[in-house]
Amino acid sequence: MPILRYPVSLAVVFAALLATMGVFIFARPQYKPDEQKTIDMSTRHHYTSAEVQKVFAAHGLPLTYARHMGKGDSYMLMLLETPGPNPTTQLYVYLAGPATKVSWGPEDKTSWDQRSANLEIHYGGANEQMLAQVKAAAAELR
């Protein structure tokens, strides 16, 4: 057979093939997501949207826009200061219903977040005065 005339070359090609396969099988990166836990909101203090809006309005931050997702007591309500899409730089508050099970996901390290009771309060803007107002309002809702 002509292939067996060159055993050293055949062995080198075979070894290179095995090494390449080994790299793709054993040295590949693996996705390891951050550990997230599901929170049962029935065990937490429950703020209503009116309470949240009143506290933020008292600090000069009217949350006049809302998006509602879900039905019954299992819902998520997103309260916003401005309409339209919710870029990560704007202020918004997620309010979970009393029968909702929530996984907030990993915390955003580029913005300010507070998770307490049935709320997630988020502000990602650069306005320090507004951030101080958001923090003051959030402190009342702990």
Protein backbone atom coordinates (compact mmCIF):
# COMPACT_ATOMS: atom_id res chain seq x y z
CA MET A 1 0.00 0.00 0.00
CA PRO A 2 1.35 3.48 -0.89
CA ILE A 3 0.31 5.06 2.43
CA LEU A 4 2.44 2.64 4.43
CA ARG A 5 5.58 3.65 2.52
CA TYR A 6 5.90 6.73 4.71
CA PRO A 7 5.14 5.60 8.27
CA VAL A 8 6.85 8.56 9.98
CA SER A 9 4.91 11.12 7.93
CA LEU A 10 1.70 9.21 8.56
CA ALA A 11 2.39 9.16 12.30
CA VAL A 12 3.10 12.94 12.36
CA VAL A 13 -0.14 13.73 10.50
CA PHE A 14 -2.11 11.38 12.76
CA ALA A 15 -0.57 12.93 15.92
CA ALA A 16 -1.37 16.45 14.67
CA LEU A 17 -4.95 15.41 13.97
CA LEU A 18 -5.33 13.90 17.46
CA ALA A 19 -3.78 16.98 19.09
CA THR A 20 -6.18 19.29 17.23
CA MET A 21 -9.16 17.13 18.25
CA GLY A 22 -7.93 17.13 21.84
CA VAL A 23 -7.78 20.93 21.94
CA PHE A 24 -11.34 21.23 20.70
CA ILE A 25 -12.65 18.54 23.05
CA PHE A 26 -10.84 19.28 26.32
CA ALA A 27 -9.64 22.89 26.21
CA ARG A 28 -12.81 24.64 25.12
CA PRO A 29 -14.20 27.45 27.28
CA GLN A 30 -17.36 26.67 29.16
CA TYR A 31 -20.17 29.04 30.05
CA LYS A 32 -20.77 29.19 33.79
CA PRO A 33 -23.62 31.59 34.60
CA ASP A 34 -23.77 33.52 37.84
CA GLU A 35 -25.75 31.68 40.46
CA GLN A 36 -29.26 33.07 40.58
CA LYS A 37 -31.91 32.24 43.07
CA THR A 38 -35.64 32.46 42.65
CA ILE A 39 -37.41 34.62 45.23
CA ASP A 40 -40.99 33.92 46.26
CA MET A 41 -42.61 37.34 46.69
CA SER A 42 -45.39 35.94 48.89
CA THR A 43 -42.84 35.80 51.72
CA ARG A 44 -41.74 39.44 51.37
CA HIS A 45 -43.20 42.79 52.33
CA HIS A 46 -45.36 44.06 49.47
CA TYR A 47 -45.36 47.71 48.40
CA THR A 48 -48.17 48.90 46.15
CA SER A 49 -47.54 51.04 43.08
CA ALA A 50 -49.31 53.97 44.78
CA GLU A 51 -46.93 53.78 47.76
CA VAL A 52 -43.87 53.65 45.51
CA GLN A 53 -45.09 56.50 43.31
CA LYS A 54 -45.87 58.64 46.38
CA VAL A 55 -42.38 58.16 47.87
CA PHE A 56 -40.58 58.92 44.60
CA ALA A 57 -42.82 61.94 43.89
CA ALA A 58 -41.97 63.32 47.34
CA HIS A 59 -38.31 63.28 46.24
CA GLY A 60 -39.03 65.06 42.95
CA LEU A 61 -39.08 61.90 40.83
CA PRO A 62 -42.57 61.30 39.44
CA LEU A 63 -42.97 57.76 38.13
CA THR A 64 -45.88 58.54 35.84
CA TYR A 65 -45.49 55.79 33.22
CA ALA A 66 -46.07 52.09 33.72
CA ARG A 67 -45.82 48.78 31.90
CA HIS A 68 -47.79 45.84 33.26
CA MET A 69 -46.83 42.20 32.60
CA GLY A 70 -48.78 39.21 33.88
CA LYS A 71 -52.19 38.79 35.42
CA GLY A 72 -53.86 38.28 38.77
CA ASP A 73 -51.47 38.41 41.73
CA SER A 74 -48.59 37.11 39.61
CA TYR A 75 -47.39 40.17 37.76
CA MET A 76 -44.50 42.55 37.21
CA LEU A 77 -45.14 46.27 37.05
CA MET A 78 -42.44 48.55 35.68
CA LEU A 79 -42.74 52.16 36.83
CA LEU A 80 -40.84 54.71 34.74
CA GLU A 81 -40.12 58.41 34.82
CA THR A 82 -40.18 58.77 31.02
CA PRO A 83 -42.13 56.91 28.32
CA GLY A 84 -40.66 54.80 25.56
CA PRO A 85 -37.95 52.18 25.65
CA ASN A 86 -36.11 51.69 28.89
CA PRO A 87 -32.41 52.29 28.33
CA THR A 88 -30.19 51.31 31.19
CA THR A 89 -29.47 54.97 31.92
CA GLN A 90 -32.99 55.84 33.02
CA LEU A 91 -34.76 55.43 36.35
CA TYR A 92 -37.19 52.56 36.63
CA VAL A 93 -38.70 50.49 39.41
CA TYR A 94 -39.82 46.88 39.01
CA LEU A 95 -42.64 46.00 41.38
CA ALA A 96 -43.50 42.29 41.71
CA GLY A 97 -46.98 41.04 42.62
CA PRO A 98 -47.58 39.04 45.81
CA ALA A 99 -47.83 35.68 44.02
CA THR A 100 -44.85 36.24 41.72
CA LYS A 101 -41.66 34.20 41.76
CA VAL A 102 -38.74 36.32 40.59
CA SER A 103 -35.12 35.87 39.64
CA TRP A 104 -33.67 39.37 39.32
CA GLY A 105 -30.58 38.05 37.57
CA PRO A 106 -27.05 39.27 38.13
CA GLU A 107 -26.58 42.81 39.38
CA ASP A 108 -25.61 45.44 36.84
CA LYS A 109 -22.18 46.73 37.89
CA THR A 110 -22.42 49.82 35.64
CA SER A 111 -25.44 51.34 37.36
CA TRP A 112 -27.05 51.75 40.79
CA ASP A 113 -29.51 49.03 41.84
CA GLN A 114 -31.32 48.25 45.05
CA ARG A 115 -33.40 45.13 45.58
CA SER A 116 -35.62 45.04 48.62
CA ALA A 117 -39.10 43.79 49.51
CA ASN A 118 -40.90 43.30 46.19
CA LEU A 119 -38.91 46.02 44.41
CA GLU A 120 -35.92 46.43 42.16
CA ILE A 121 -34.94 50.09 41.84
CA HIS A 122 -32.53 50.97 39.01
CA TYR A 123 -30.79 54.17 37.94
CA GLY A 124 -27.95 54.11 35.43
CA GLY A 125 -27.59 57.79 34.61
CA ALA A 126 -24.67 60.11 35.37
CA ASN A 127 -26.63 62.85 37.16
CA GLU A 128 -25.32 62.82 40.74
CA GLN A 129 -28.17 64.98 42.07
CA MET A 130 -30.77 62.62 40.63
CA LEU A 131 -28.86 59.62 41.99
CA ALA A 132 -29.00 61.20 45.46
CA GLN A 133 -32.78 61.66 45.07
CA VAL A 134 -33.17 58.03 43.95
CA LYS A 135 -31.12 56.78 46.92
CA ALA A 136 -33.14 58.89 49.36
CA ALA A 137 -36.42 57.53 47.98
CA ALA A 138 -35.08 53.98 48.00
CA ALA A 139 -33.99 54.35 51.63
CA GLU A 140 -37.62 54.97 52.58
CA LEU A 141 -38.66 51.76 50.83
CA ARG A 142 -36.32 49.33 52.58
